[in-house]
PDB file of N, CA and C in Angstrom:
ATOM      1  N   MET A   1     -11.496  -3.292   1.819  1.00  0.00           N
ATOM      2  CA  MET A   1     -11.427  -4.724   1.614  1.00  0.00           C
ATOM      3  C   MET A   1     -10.727  -5.344   2.823  1.00  0.00           C
ATOM      4  N   SER A   2     -11.426  -6.159   3.553  1.00  0.00           N
ATOM      5  CA  SER A   2     -10.853  -6.838   4.702  1.00  0.00           C
ATOM      6  C   SER A   2     -10.298  -8.181   4.235  1.00  0.00           C
ATOM      7  N   THR A   3      -8.994  -8.360   4.369  1.00  0.00           N
ATOM      8  CA  THR A   3      -8.368  -9.595   3.911  1.00  0.00           C
ATOM      9  C   THR A   3      -7.425 -10.127   4.970  1.00  0.00           C
ATOM     10  N   PHE A   4      -6.960 -11.316   4.735  1.00  0.00           N
ATOM     11  CA  PHE A   4      -6.037 -11.955   5.651  1.00  0.00           C
ATOM     12  C   PHE A   4      -4.635 -11.393   5.502  1.00  0.00           C
ATOM     13  N   HIS A   5      -4.204 -11.148   4.254  1.00  0.00           N
ATOM     14  CA  HIS A   5      -2.837 -10.708   3.985  1.00  0.00           C
ATOM     15  C   HIS A   5      -2.800  -9.310   3.369  1.00  0.00           C
ATOM     16  N   ALA A   6      -1.691  -8.615   3.657  1.00  0.00           N
ATOM     17  CA  ALA A   6      -1.407  -7.339   3.004  1.00  0.00           C
ATOM     18  C   ALA A   6       0.101  -7.232   2.842  1.00  0.00           C
ATOM     19  N   VAL A   7       0.488  -6.515   1.809  1.00  0.00           N
ATOM     20  CA  VAL A   7       1.898  -6.179   1.619  1.00  0.00           C
ATOM     21  C   VAL A   7       1.956  -4.677   1.410  1.00  0.00           C
ATOM     22  N   VAL A   8       2.954  -4.057   2.032  1.00  0.00           N
ATOM     23  CA  VAL A   8       3.127  -2.612   1.922  1.00  0.00           C
ATOM     24  C   VAL A   8       4.536  -2.354   1.424  1.00  0.00           C
ATOM     25  N   TRP A   9       4.629  -1.764   0.233  1.00  0.00           N
ATOM     26  CA  TRP A   9       5.923  -1.284  -0.258  1.00  0.00           C
ATOM     27  C   TRP A   9       5.954   0.193   0.082  1.00  0.00           C
ATOM     28  N   MET A  10       7.027   0.618   0.737  1.00  0.00           N
ATOM     29  CA  MET A  10       7.067   2.035   1.095  1.00  0.00           C
ATOM     30  C   MET A  10       8.475   2.593   1.067  1.00  0.00           C
ATOM     31  N   ASP A  11       8.529   3.873   0.772  1.00  0.00           N
ATOM     32  CA  ASP A  11       9.730   4.673   0.987  1.00  0.00           C
ATOM     33  C   ASP A  11       9.249   5.919   1.722  1.00  0.00           C
ATOM     34  N   HIS A  12      10.043   6.960   1.782  1.00  0.00           N
ATOM     35  CA  HIS A  12       9.627   8.142   2.534  1.00  0.00           C
ATOM     36  C   HIS A  12       8.658   9.045   1.767  1.00  0.00           C
ATOM     37  N   THR A  13       8.402   8.744   0.498  1.00  0.00           N
ATOM     38  CA  THR A  13       7.509   9.602  -0.277  1.00  0.00           C
ATOM     39  C   THR A  13       6.136   8.998  -0.517  1.00  0.00           C
ATOM     40  N   GLU A  14       6.045   7.659  -0.549  1.00  0.00           N
ATOM     41  CA  GLU A  14       4.752   7.030  -0.781  1.00  0.00           C
ATOM     42  C   GLU A  14       4.744   5.590  -0.303  1.00  0.00           C
ATOM     43  N   ALA A  15       3.532   5.070  -0.161  1.00  0.00           N
ATOM     44  CA  ALA A  15       3.341   3.675   0.212  1.00  0.00           C
ATOM     45  C   ALA A  15       2.335   3.061  -0.757  1.00  0.00           C
ATOM     46  N   HIS A  16       2.607   1.829  -1.174  1.00  0.00           N
ATOM     47  CA  HIS A  16       1.664   1.038  -1.963  1.00  0.00           C
ATOM     48  C   HIS A  16       1.146  -0.039  -1.018  1.00  0.00           C
ATOM     49  N   VAL A  17      -0.113   0.044  -0.668  1.00  0.00           N
ATOM     50  CA  VAL A  17      -0.733  -0.919   0.226  1.00  0.00           C
ATOM     51  C   VAL A  17      -1.580  -1.845  -0.632  1.00  0.00           C
ATOM     52  N   VAL A  18      -1.235  -3.132  -0.609  1.00  0.00           N
ATOM     53  CA  VAL A  18      -1.974  -4.096  -1.415  1.00  0.00           C
ATOM     54  C   VAL A  18      -2.548  -5.153  -0.484  1.00  0.00           C
ATOM     55  N   MET A  19      -3.869  -5.220  -0.447  1.00  0.00           N
ATOM     56  CA  MET A  19      -4.587  -6.246   0.304  1.00  0.00           C
ATOM     57  C   MET A  19      -4.929  -7.344  -0.684  1.00  0.00           C
ATOM     58  N   PHE A  20      -4.768  -8.587  -0.261  1.00  0.00           N
ATOM     59  CA  PHE A  20      -5.057  -9.658  -1.207  1.00  0.00           C
ATOM     60  C   PHE A  20      -5.505 -10.924  -0.499  1.00  0.00           C
ATOM     61  N   ASP A  21      -6.222 -11.732  -1.276  1.00  0.00           N
ATOM     62  CA  ASP A  21      -6.567 -13.086  -0.864  1.00  0.00           C
ATOM     63  C   ASP A  21      -6.230 -13.992  -2.045  1.00  0.00           C
ATOM     64  N   ARG A  22      -6.724 -15.187  -2.049  1.00  0.00           N
ATOM     65  CA  ARG A  22      -6.366 -16.126  -3.123  1.00  0.00           C
ATOM     66  C   ARG A  22      -6.746 -15.639  -4.515  1.00  0.00           C
ATOM     67  N   GLU A  23      -7.837 -14.904  -4.612  1.00  0.00           N
ATOM     68  CA  GLU A  23      -8.372 -14.553  -5.929  1.00  0.00           C
ATOM     69  C   GLU A  23      -8.345 -13.070  -6.257  1.00  0.00           C
ATOM     70  N   HIS A  24      -8.241 -12.226  -5.265  1.00  0.00           N
ATOM     71  CA  HIS A  24      -8.373 -10.795  -5.494  1.00  0.00           C
ATOM     72  C   HIS A  24      -7.210 -10.018  -4.890  1.00  0.00           C
ATOM     73  N   ALA A  25      -6.963  -8.874  -5.468  1.00  0.00           N
ATOM     74  CA  ALA A  25      -5.991  -7.933  -4.909  1.00  0.00           C
ATOM     75  C   ALA A  25      -6.533  -6.523  -5.110  1.00  0.00           C
ATOM     76  N   GLU A  26      -6.385  -5.721  -4.099  1.00  0.00           N
ATOM     77  CA  GLU A  26      -6.838  -4.330  -4.165  1.00  0.00           C
ATOM     78  C   GLU A  26      -5.711  -3.461  -3.624  1.00  0.00           C
ATOM     79  N   SER A  27      -5.333  -2.447  -4.398  1.00  0.00           N
ATOM     80  CA  SER A  27      -4.212  -1.622  -3.962  1.00  0.00           C
ATOM     81  C   SER A  27      -4.625  -0.162  -3.830  1.00  0.00           C
ATOM     82  N   GLN A  28      -3.878   0.517  -3.004  1.00  0.00           N
ATOM     83  CA  GLN A  28      -4.042   1.963  -2.895  1.00  0.00           C
ATOM     84  C   GLN A  28      -2.674   2.579  -2.654  1.00  0.00           C
ATOM     85  N   ARG A  29      -2.517   3.792  -3.128  1.00  0.00           N
ATOM     86  CA  ARG A  29      -1.284   4.543  -2.900  1.00  0.00           C
ATOM     87  C   ARG A  29      -1.555   5.635  -1.895  1.00  0.00           C
ATOM     88  N   ILE A  30      -0.612   5.757  -0.997  1.00  0.00           N
ATOM     89  CA  ILE A  30      -0.690   6.808   0.003  1.00  0.00           C
ATOM     90  C   ILE A  30       0.575   7.629  -0.148  1.00  0.00           C
ATOM     91  N   ARG A  31       0.413   8.892  -0.394  1.00  0.00           N
ATOM     92  CA  ARG A  31       1.568   9.769  -0.591  1.00  0.00           C
ATOM     93  C   ARG A  31       1.837  10.573   0.673  1.00  0.00           C
ATOM     94  N   SER A  32       3.103  10.745   0.944  1.00  0.00           N
ATOM     95  CA  SER A  32       3.518  11.580   2.060  1.00  0.00           C
ATOM     96  C   SER A  32       3.321  13.036   1.673  1.00  0.00           C
ATOM     97  N   ARG A  33       2.915  13.832   2.604  1.00  0.00           N
ATOM     98  CA  ARG A  33       2.755  15.265   2.324  1.00  0.00           C
ATOM     99  C   ARG A  33       4.026  16.038   2.598  1.00  0.00           C
ATOM    100  N   SER A  34       5.013  15.358   3.162  1.00  0.00           N
ATOM    101  CA  SER A  34       6.285  16.005   3.458  1.00  0.00           C
ATOM    102  C   SER A  34       7.077  16.180   2.170  1.00  0.00           C
ATOM    103  N   HIS A  35       7.826  17.249   2.081  1.00  0.00           N
ATOM    104  CA  HIS A  35       8.659  17.498   0.904  1.00  0.00           C
ATOM    105  C   HIS A  35      10.080  17.012   1.107  1.00  0.00           C
ATOM    106  N   HIS A  36      10.331  16.385   2.249  1.00  0.00           N
ATOM    107  CA  HIS A  36      11.668  15.897   2.545  1.00  0.00           C
ATOM    108  C   HIS A  36      11.802  14.451   2.111  1.00  0.00           C
ATOM    109  N   LYS A  37      12.855  14.155   1.369  1.00  0.00           N
ATOM    110  CA  LYS A  37      13.057  12.793   0.895  1.00  0.00           C
ATOM    111  C   LYS A  37      13.276  11.841   2.064  1.00  0.00           C
ATOM    112  N   HIS A  38      14.077  12.236   3.025  1.00  0.00           N
ATOM    113  CA  HIS A  38      14.310  11.429   4.217  1.00  0.00           C
ATOM    114  C   HIS A  38      13.745  12.201   5.390  1.00  0.00           C
ATOM    115  N   GLN A  39      12.546  11.810   5.816  1.00  0.00           N
ATOM    116  CA  GLN A  39      11.802  12.609   6.780  1.00  0.00           C
ATOM    117  C   GLN A  39      12.479  12.682   8.139  1.00  0.00           C
ATOM    118  N   GLY A  40      12.437  11.661   8.926  1.00  0.00           N
ATOM    119  CA  GLY A  40      13.151  11.649  10.187  1.00  0.00           C
ATOM    120  C   GLY A  40      12.444  12.263  11.372  1.00  0.00           C
ATOM    121  N   LYS A  41      11.812  13.407  11.242  1.00  0.00           N
ATOM    122  CA  LYS A  41      11.134  14.044  12.361  1.00  0.00           C
ATOM    123  C   LYS A  41       9.779  13.391  12.586  1.00  0.00           C
ATOM    124  N   ALA A  42       9.454  13.146  13.847  1.00  0.00           N
ATOM    125  CA  ALA A  42       8.208  12.462  14.189  1.00  0.00           C
ATOM    126  C   ALA A  42       6.986  13.201  13.653  1.00  0.00           C
ATOM    127  N   GLU A  43       7.011  14.542  13.729  1.00  0.00           N
ATOM    128  CA  GLU A  43       5.847  15.301  13.256  1.00  0.00           C
ATOM    129  C   GLU A  43       5.697  15.239  11.740  1.00  0.00           C
ATOM    130  N   ASP A  44       6.786  14.940  11.027  1.00  0.00           N
ATOM    131  CA  ASP A  44       6.715  14.803   9.573  1.00  0.00           C
ATOM    132  C   ASP A  44       6.149  13.449   9.162  1.00  0.00           C
ATOM    133  N   VAL A  45       6.540  12.397   9.866  1.00  0.00           N
ATOM    134  CA  VAL A  45       6.134  11.047   9.461  1.00  0.00           C
ATOM    135  C   VAL A  45       4.798  10.627  10.046  1.00  0.00           C
ATOM    136  N   ALA A  46       4.390  11.214  11.154  1.00  0.00           N
ATOM    137  CA  ALA A  46       3.178  10.762  11.835  1.00  0.00           C
ATOM    138  C   ALA A  46       1.938  10.740  10.937  1.00  0.00           C
ATOM    139  N   PRO A  47       1.615  11.793  10.193  1.00  0.00           N
ATOM    140  CA  PRO A  47       0.413  11.727   9.350  1.00  0.00           C
ATOM    141  C   PRO A  47       0.516  10.661   8.254  1.00  0.00           C
ATOM    142  N   PHE A  48       1.687  10.522   7.664  1.00  0.00           N
ATOM    143  CA  PHE A  48       1.914   9.515   6.619  1.00  0.00           C
ATOM    144  C   PHE A  48       1.786   8.115   7.202  1.00  0.00           C
ATOM    145  N   PHE A  49       2.486   7.847   8.295  1.00  0.00           N
ATOM    146  CA  PHE A  49       2.437   6.530   8.918  1.00  0.00           C
ATOM    147  C   PHE A  49       1.039   6.215   9.439  1.00  0.00           C
ATOM    148  N   ALA A  50       0.334   7.206   9.954  1.00  0.00           N
ATOM    149  CA  ALA A  50      -1.037   6.996  10.431  1.00  0.00           C
ATOM    150  C   ALA A  50      -1.953   6.589   9.281  1.00  0.00           C
ATOM    151  N   ALA A  51      -1.798   7.239   8.135  1.00  0.00           N
ATOM    152  CA  ALA A  51      -2.627   6.889   6.971  1.00  0.00           C
ATOM    153  C   ALA A  51      -2.338   5.463   6.501  1.00  0.00           C
ATOM    154  N   VAL A  52      -1.071   5.076   6.513  1.00  0.00           N
ATOM    155  CA  VAL A  52      -0.715   3.704   6.116  1.00  0.00           C
ATOM    156  C   VAL A  52      -1.293   2.710   7.113  1.00  0.00           C
ATOM    157  N   SER A  53      -1.145   2.978   8.402  1.00  0.00           N
ATOM    158  CA  SER A  53      -1.672   2.046   9.404  1.00  0.00           C
ATOM    159  C   SER A  53      -3.195   1.971   9.347  1.00  0.00           C
ATOM    160  N   ASP A  54      -3.861   3.084   9.061  1.00  0.00           N
ATOM    161  CA  ASP A  54      -5.320   3.069   8.905  1.00  0.00           C
ATOM    162  C   ASP A  54      -5.740   2.159   7.751  1.00  0.00           C
ATOM    163  N   ALA A  55      -4.956   2.159   6.689  1.00  0.00           N
ATOM    164  CA  ALA A  55      -5.275   1.319   5.527  1.00  0.00           C
ATOM    165  C   ALA A  55      -5.151  -0.168   5.855  1.00  0.00           C
ATOM    166  N   LEU A  56      -4.432  -0.499   6.920  1.00  0.00           N
ATOM    167  CA  LEU A  56      -4.206  -1.897   7.286  1.00  0.00           C
ATOM    168  C   LEU A  56      -5.208  -2.429   8.304  1.00  0.00           C
ATOM    169  N   ALA A  57      -6.231  -1.643   8.621  1.00  0.00           N
ATOM    170  CA  ALA A  57      -7.231  -2.077   9.593  1.00  0.00           C
ATOM    171  C   ALA A  57      -7.841  -3.408   9.160  1.00  0.00           C
ATOM    172  N   ASP A  58      -8.026  -4.292  10.099  1.00  0.00           N
ATOM    173  CA  ASP A  58      -8.661  -5.604   9.896  1.00  0.00           C
ATOM    174  C   ASP A  58      -7.821  -6.595   9.095  1.00  0.00           C
ATOM    175  N   THR A  59      -6.557  -6.291   8.864  1.00  0.00           N
ATOM    176  CA  THR A  59      -5.677  -7.240   8.180  1.00  0.00           C
ATOM    177  C   THR A  59      -4.971  -8.062   9.243  1.00  0.00           C
ATOM    178  N   ARG A  60      -4.811  -9.349   8.999  1.00  0.00           N
ATOM    179  CA  ARG A  60      -4.242 -10.226  10.027  1.00  0.00           C
ATOM    180  C   ARG A  60      -2.745 -10.463   9.879  1.00  0.00           C
ATOM    181  N   GLU A  61      -2.186 -10.299   8.684  1.00  0.00           N
ATOM    182  CA  GLU A  61      -0.744 -10.450   8.481  1.00  0.00           C
ATOM    183  C   GLU A  61      -0.281  -9.434   7.452  1.00  0.00           C
ATOM    184  N   VAL A  62       0.794  -8.719   7.799  1.00  0.00           N
ATOM    185  CA  VAL A  62       1.310  -7.667   6.928  1.00  0.00           C
ATOM    186  C   VAL A  62       2.797  -7.891   6.703  1.00  0.00           C
ATOM    187  N   LEU A  63       3.198  -7.833   5.445  1.00  0.00           N
ATOM    188  CA  LEU A  63       4.602  -7.872   5.070  1.00  0.00           C
ATOM    189  C   LEU A  63       4.989  -6.475   4.612  1.00  0.00           C
ATOM    190  N   LEU A  64       6.059  -5.929   5.189  1.00  0.00           N
ATOM    191  CA  LEU A  64       6.567  -4.624   4.782  1.00  0.00           C
ATOM    192  C   LEU A  64       7.722  -4.824   3.815  1.00  0.00           C
ATOM    193  N   ALA A  65       7.791  -3.979   2.794  1.00  0.00           N
ATOM    194  CA  ALA A  65       8.867  -4.054   1.806  1.00  0.00           C
ATOM    195  C   ALA A  65       9.239  -2.644   1.396  1.00  0.00           C
ATOM    196  N   GLY A  66      10.460  -2.495   0.917  1.00  0.00           N
ATOM    197  CA  GLY A  66      10.890  -1.192   0.442  1.00  0.00           C
ATOM    198  C   GLY A  66      12.395  -1.126   0.323  1.00  0.00           C
ATOM    199  N   PRO A  67      12.887  -0.060  -0.314  1.00  0.00           N
ATOM    200  CA  PRO A  67      14.318   0.031  -0.587  1.00  0.00           C
ATOM    201  C   PRO A  67      15.157   0.612   0.541  1.00  0.00           C
ATOM    202  N   GLY A  68      14.551   1.271   1.489  1.00  0.00           N
ATOM    203  CA  GLY A  68      15.344   1.975   2.494  1.00  0.00           C
ATOM    204  C   GLY A  68      14.856   1.715   3.899  1.00  0.00           C
ATOM    205  N   LEU A  69      14.981   2.713   4.736  1.00  0.00           N
ATOM    206  CA  LEU A  69      14.660   2.581   6.150  1.00  0.00           C
ATOM    207  C   LEU A  69      13.205   2.869   6.494  1.00  0.00           C
ATOM    208  N   ALA A  70      12.445   3.407   5.588  1.00  0.00           N
ATOM    209  CA  ALA A  70      11.075   3.826   5.904  1.00  0.00           C
ATOM    210  C   ALA A  70      10.243   2.675   6.456  1.00  0.00           C
ATOM    211  N   ARG A  71      10.404   1.489   5.897  1.00  0.00           N
ATOM    212  CA  ARG A  71       9.599   0.353   6.360  1.00  0.00           C
ATOM    213  C   ARG A  71       9.902   0.013   7.815  1.00  0.00           C
ATOM    214  N   ASN A  72      11.168   0.098   8.219  1.00  0.00           N
ATOM    215  CA  ASN A  72      11.531  -0.188   9.610  1.00  0.00           C
ATOM    216  C   ASN A  72      11.113   0.951  10.542  1.00  0.00           C
ATOM    217  N   GLU A  73      11.205   2.182  10.047  1.00  0.00           N
ATOM    218  CA  GLU A  73      10.733   3.322  10.830  1.00  0.00           C
ATOM    219  C   GLU A  73       9.227   3.215  11.048  1.00  0.00           C
ATOM    220  N   PHE A  74       8.502   2.759  10.021  1.00  0.00           N
ATOM    221  CA  PHE A  74       7.062   2.565  10.141  1.00  0.00           C
ATOM    222  C   PHE A  74       6.759   1.487  11.191  1.00  0.00           C
ATOM    223  N   ARG A  75       7.470   0.399  11.140  1.00  0.00           N
ATOM    224  CA  ARG A  75       7.262  -0.684  12.113  1.00  0.00           C
ATOM    225  C   ARG A  75       7.517  -0.176  13.538  1.00  0.00           C
ATOM    226  N   ASP A  76       8.587   0.588  13.727  1.00  0.00           N
ATOM    227  CA  ASP A  76       8.902   1.138  15.048  1.00  0.00           C
ATOM    228  C   ASP A  76       7.830   2.137  15.492  1.00  0.00           C
ATOM    229  N   TRP A  77       7.360   2.970  14.565  1.00  0.00           N
ATOM    230  CA  TRP A  77       6.310   3.940  14.872  1.00  0.00           C
ATOM    231  C   TRP A  77       5.043   3.208  15.301  1.00  0.00           C
ATOM    232  N   CYS A  78       4.699   2.139  14.582  1.00  0.00           N
ATOM    233  CA  CYS A  78       3.501   1.363  14.931  1.00  0.00           C
ATOM    234  C   CYS A  78       3.637   0.752  16.327  1.00  0.00           C
ATOM    235  N   ALA A  79       4.830   0.278  16.669  1.00  0.00           N
ATOM    236  CA  ALA A  79       5.044  -0.299  18.003  1.00  0.00           C
ATOM    237  C   ALA A  79       4.728   0.718  19.094  1.00  0.00           C
ATOM    238  N   ARG A  80       5.017   1.981  18.828  1.00  0.00           N
ATOM    239  CA  ARG A  80       4.752   3.040  19.808  1.00  0.00           C
ATOM    240  C   ARG A  80       3.330   3.590  19.712  1.00  0.00           C
ATOM    241  N   GLN A  81       2.838   3.772  18.498  1.00  0.00           N
ATOM    242  CA  GLN A  81       1.580   4.486  18.282  1.00  0.00           C
ATOM    243  C   GLN A  81       0.380   3.605  17.938  1.00  0.00           C
ATOM    244  N   ARG A  82       0.609   2.508  17.261  1.00  0.00           N
ATOM    245  CA  ARG A  82      -0.477   1.628  16.808  1.00  0.00           C
ATOM    246  C   ARG A  82      -0.108   0.161  17.084  1.00  0.00           C
ATOM    247  N   PRO A  83      -0.104  -0.241  18.343  1.00  0.00           N
ATOM    248  CA  PRO A  83       0.338  -1.591  18.682  1.00  0.00           C
ATOM    249  C   PRO A  83      -0.457  -2.701  17.997  1.00  0.00           C
ATOM    250  N   ALA A  84      -1.719  -2.471  17.697  1.00  0.00           N
ATOM    251  CA  ALA A  84      -2.506  -3.504  17.011  1.00  0.00           C
ATOM    252  C   ALA A  84      -1.949  -3.771  15.615  1.00  0.00           C
ATOM    253  N   VAL A  85      -1.506  -2.736  14.934  1.00  0.00           N
ATOM    254  CA  VAL A  85      -0.898  -2.905  13.614  1.00  0.00           C
ATOM    255  C   VAL A  85       0.481  -3.536  13.769  1.00  0.00           C
ATOM    256  N   ALA A  86       1.245  -3.090  14.745  1.00  0.00           N
ATOM    257  CA  ALA A  86       2.587  -3.651  14.960  1.00  0.00           C
ATOM    258  C   ALA A  86       2.522  -5.161  15.187  1.00  0.00           C
ATOM    259  N   GLN A  87       1.486  -5.633  15.848  1.00  0.00           N
ATOM    260  CA  GLN A  87       1.362  -7.063  16.135  1.00  0.00           C
ATOM    261  C   GLN A  87       1.120  -7.905  14.884  1.00  0.00           C
ATOM    262  N   VAL A  88       0.574  -7.314  13.818  1.00  0.00           N
ATOM    263  CA  VAL A  88       0.291  -8.105  12.618  1.00  0.00           C
ATOM    264  C   VAL A  88       1.392  -7.987  11.565  1.00  0.00           C
ATOM    265  N   VAL A  89       2.395  -7.145  11.820  1.00  0.00           N
ATOM    266  CA  VAL A  89       3.541  -7.056  10.903  1.00  0.00           C
ATOM    267  C   VAL A  89       4.421  -8.273  11.148  1.00  0.00           C
ATOM    268  N   VAL A  90       4.539  -9.119  10.110  1.00  0.00           N
ATOM    269  CA  VAL A  90       5.288 -10.366  10.276  1.00  0.00           C
ATOM    270  C   VAL A  90       6.751 -10.241   9.877  1.00  0.00           C
ATOM    271  N   ASP A  91       7.075  -9.283   8.992  1.00  0.00           N
ATOM    272  CA  ASP A  91       8.459  -9.145   8.559  1.00  0.00           C
ATOM    273  C   ASP A  91       8.624  -7.841   7.782  1.00  0.00           C
ATOM    274  N   SER A  92       9.875  -7.481   7.574  1.00  0.00           N
ATOM    275  CA  SER A  92      10.255  -6.319   6.781  1.00  0.00           C
ATOM    276  C   SER A  92      11.387  -6.751   5.870  1.00  0.00           C
ATOM    277  N   VAL A  93      11.151  -6.666   4.556  1.00  0.00           N
ATOM    278  CA  VAL A  93      12.140  -7.150   3.591  1.00  0.00           C
ATOM    279  C   VAL A  93      12.533  -6.044   2.617  1.00  0.00           C
ATOM    280  N   ALA A  94      13.768  -6.120   2.165  1.00  0.00           N
ATOM    281  CA  ALA A  94      14.251  -5.152   1.179  1.00  0.00           C
ATOM    282  C   ALA A  94      13.670  -5.487  -0.191  1.00  0.00           C
ATOM    283  N   ALA A  95      13.221  -4.473  -0.882  1.00  0.00           N
ATOM    284  CA  ALA A  95      12.691  -4.647  -2.239  1.00  0.00           C
ATOM    285  C   ALA A  95      12.862  -3.329  -2.977  1.00  0.00           C
ATOM    286  N   ASP A  96      13.321  -3.407  -4.204  1.00  0.00           N
ATOM    287  CA  ASP A  96      13.584  -2.207  -4.986  1.00  0.00           C
ATOM    288  C   ASP A  96      12.275  -1.496  -5.304  1.00  0.00           C
ATOM    289  N   HIS A  97      11.851  -1.448  -6.550  1.00  0.00           N
ATOM    290  CA  HIS A  97      10.627  -0.768  -6.959  1.00  0.00           C
ATOM    291  C   HIS A  97       9.778  -1.705  -7.823  1.00  0.00           C
ATOM    292  N   PRO A  98       9.173  -2.732  -7.225  1.00  0.00           N
ATOM    293  CA  PRO A  98       8.366  -3.659  -8.019  1.00  0.00           C
ATOM    294  C   PRO A  98       7.029  -3.039  -8.413  1.00  0.00           C
ATOM    295  N   SER A  99       6.444  -3.593  -9.450  1.00  0.00           N
ATOM    296  CA  SER A  99       5.071  -3.216  -9.788  1.00  0.00           C
ATOM    297  C   SER A  99       4.165  -3.821  -8.720  1.00  0.00           C
ATOM    298  N   ASP A 100       2.913  -3.401  -8.688  1.00  0.00           N
ATOM    299  CA  ASP A 100       1.996  -3.978  -7.707  1.00  0.00           C
ATOM    300  C   ASP A 100       1.826  -5.472  -7.942  1.00  0.00           C
ATOM    301  N   ALA A 101       1.780  -5.909  -9.196  1.00  0.00           N
ATOM    302  CA  ALA A 101       1.651  -7.338  -9.501  1.00  0.00           C
ATOM    303  C   ALA A 101       2.877  -8.112  -9.002  1.00  0.00           C
ATOM    304  N   GLN A 102       4.068  -7.553  -9.196  1.00  0.00           N
ATOM    305  CA  GLN A 102       5.278  -8.207  -8.693  1.00  0.00           C
ATOM    306  C   GLN A 102       5.284  -8.222  -7.168  1.00  0.00           C
ATOM    307  N   LEU A 103       4.800  -7.171  -6.574  1.00  0.00           N
ATOM    308  CA  LEU A 103       4.738  -7.082  -5.125  1.00  0.00           C
ATOM    309  C   LEU A 103       3.818  -8.165  -4.551  1.00  0.00           C
ATOM    310  N   VAL A 104       2.659  -8.349  -5.160  1.00  0.00           N
ATOM    311  CA  VAL A 104       1.723  -9.377  -4.704  1.00  0.00           C
ATOM    312  C   VAL A 104       2.329 -10.764  -4.908  1.00  0.00           C
ATOM    313  N   ALA A 105       2.979 -10.986  -6.045  1.00  0.00           N
ATOM    314  CA  ALA A 105       3.610 -12.297  -6.289  1.00  0.00           C
ATOM    315  C   ALA A 105       4.674 -12.586  -5.234  1.00  0.00           C
ATOM    316  N   MET A 106       5.488 -11.588  -4.913  1.00  0.00           N
ATOM    317  CA  MET A 106       6.506 -11.756  -3.884  1.00  0.00           C
ATOM    318  C   MET A 106       5.858 -12.055  -2.532  1.00  0.00           C
ATOM    319  N   ALA A 107       4.807 -11.328  -2.188  1.00  0.00           N
ATOM    320  CA  ALA A 107       4.132 -11.523  -0.911  1.00  0.00           C
ATOM    321  C   ALA A 107       3.446 -12.885  -0.837  1.00  0.00           C
ATOM    322  N   ARG A 108       2.843 -13.315  -1.939  1.00  0.00           N
ATOM    323  CA  ARG A 108       2.217 -14.646  -1.941  1.00  0.00           C
ATOM    324  C   ARG A 108       3.254 -15.726  -1.643  1.00  0.00           C
ATOM    325  N   GLN A 109       4.428 -15.624  -2.278  1.00  0.00           N
ATOM    326  CA  GLN A 109       5.504 -16.589  -2.027  1.00  0.00           C
ATOM    327  C   GLN A 109       5.948 -16.514  -0.572  1.00  0.00           C
ATOM    328  N   TYR A 110       6.107 -15.307  -0.064  1.00  0.00           N
ATOM    329  CA  TYR A 110       6.536 -15.131   1.317  1.00  0.00           C
ATOM    330  C   TYR A 110       5.524 -15.767   2.270  1.00  0.00           C
ATOM    331  N   PHE A 111       4.254 -15.433   2.100  1.00  0.00           N
ATOM    332  CA  PHE A 111       3.239 -15.933   3.020  1.00  0.00           C
ATOM    333  C   PHE A 111       3.052 -17.438   2.890  1.00  0.00           C
ATOM    334  N   LYS A 112       3.256 -17.978   1.711  1.00  0.00           N
ATOM    335  CA  LYS A 112       3.180 -19.430   1.548  1.00  0.00           C
ATOM    336  C   LYS A 112       4.242 -20.091   2.426  1.00  0.00           C
ATOM    337  N   LYS A 113       5.478 -19.583   2.376  1.00  0.00           N
ATOM    338  CA  LYS A 113       6.552 -20.109   3.220  1.00  0.00           C
ATOM    339  C   LYS A 113       6.258 -19.825   4.693  1.00  0.00           C
ATOM    340  N   PHE A 114       5.809 -18.616   4.996  1.00  0.00           N
ATOM    341  CA  PHE A 114       5.514 -18.219   6.368  1.00  0.00           C
ATOM    342  C   PHE A 114       4.429 -19.117   6.950  1.00  0.00           C
ATOM    343  N   ASP A 115       3.354 -19.339   6.186  1.00  0.00           N
ATOM    344  CA  ASP A 115       2.253 -20.173   6.660  1.00  0.00           C
ATOM    345  C   ASP A 115       2.711 -21.614   6.863  1.00  0.00           C
ATOM    346  N   ASN A 116       3.560 -22.120   5.962  1.00  0.00           N
ATOM    347  CA  ASN A 116       4.064 -23.487   6.110  1.00  0.00           C
ATOM    348  C   ASN A 116       4.954 -23.612   7.341  1.00  0.00           C
ATOM    349  N   MET A 117       5.788 -22.599   7.595  1.00  0.00           N
ATOM    350  CA  MET A 117       6.666 -22.649   8.762  1.00  0.00           C
ATOM    351  C   MET A 117       5.875 -22.507  10.054  1.00  0.00           C
ATOM    352  N   ALA A 118       4.784 -21.778  10.022  1.00  0.00           N
ATOM    353  CA  ALA A 118       3.988 -21.555  11.222  1.00  0.00           C
ATOM    354  C   ALA A 118       3.043 -22.724  11.513  1.00  0.00           C
ATOM    355  N   ALA A 119       2.891 -23.613  10.545  1.00  0.00           N
ATOM    356  CA  ALA A 119       1.968 -24.744  10.732  1.00  0.00           C
ATOM    357  C   ALA A 119       2.498 -25.685  11.816  1.00  0.00           C
ATOM    358  N   ASP A 120       1.578 -26.240  12.538  1.00  0.00           N
ATOM    359  CA  ASP A 120       1.936 -27.209  13.572  1.00  0.00           C
ATOM    360  C   ASP A 120       2.074 -28.570  12.906  1.00  0.00           C
ATOM    361  N   PRO A 121       3.301 -29.152  12.845  1.00  0.00           N
ATOM    362  CA  PRO A 121       3.484 -30.421  12.152  1.00  0.00           C
ATOM    363  C   PRO A 121       2.699 -31.553  12.789  1.00  0.00           C
ATOM    364  N   SER A 122       2.332 -31.455  14.038  1.00  0.00           N
ATOM    365  CA  SER A 122       1.561 -32.520  14.673  1.00  0.00           C
ATOM    366  C   SER A 122       0.110 -32.530  14.200  1.00  0.00           C
ATOM    367  N   MET A 123      -0.310 -31.446  13.542  1.00  0.00           N
ATOM    368  CA  MET A 123      -1.697 -31.357  13.059  1.00  0.00           C
ATOM    369  C   MET A 123      -1.854 -31.940  11.666  1.00  0.00           C
ATOM    370  N   ASN A 124      -0.775 -32.306  10.997  1.00  0.00           N
ATOM    371  CA  ASN A 124      -0.860 -32.860   9.638  1.00  0.00           C
ATOM    372  C   ASN A 124      -1.190 -34.327   9.649  1.00  0.00           C
TER     373      ASN A 124
END
């Protein structure tokens, strides 16, 4: 599903990637194959982060969320390995363990504010 917005909730064990538009939302879970709770080694995170970044293909704005450092490590990894994905990541926010519906609601609110702030006031 190619959409304008996506939100990714992630920790070191799994990622919930939710693509959405005004009317639809489609989610997928990507699980890490590493058995380490806090991965840290590049060779451990690379396959997991690559799968998450692949899921974000053709998305124009991505919000990262999660309880720990994985979301920021993913953003840094993308800056080095997948610059096209890094360019569409608009922010990284702390979030506990929301349901996918709560995650989409949070992202919709975020993007509504983000889109309003990014609007050119001279165009109104």
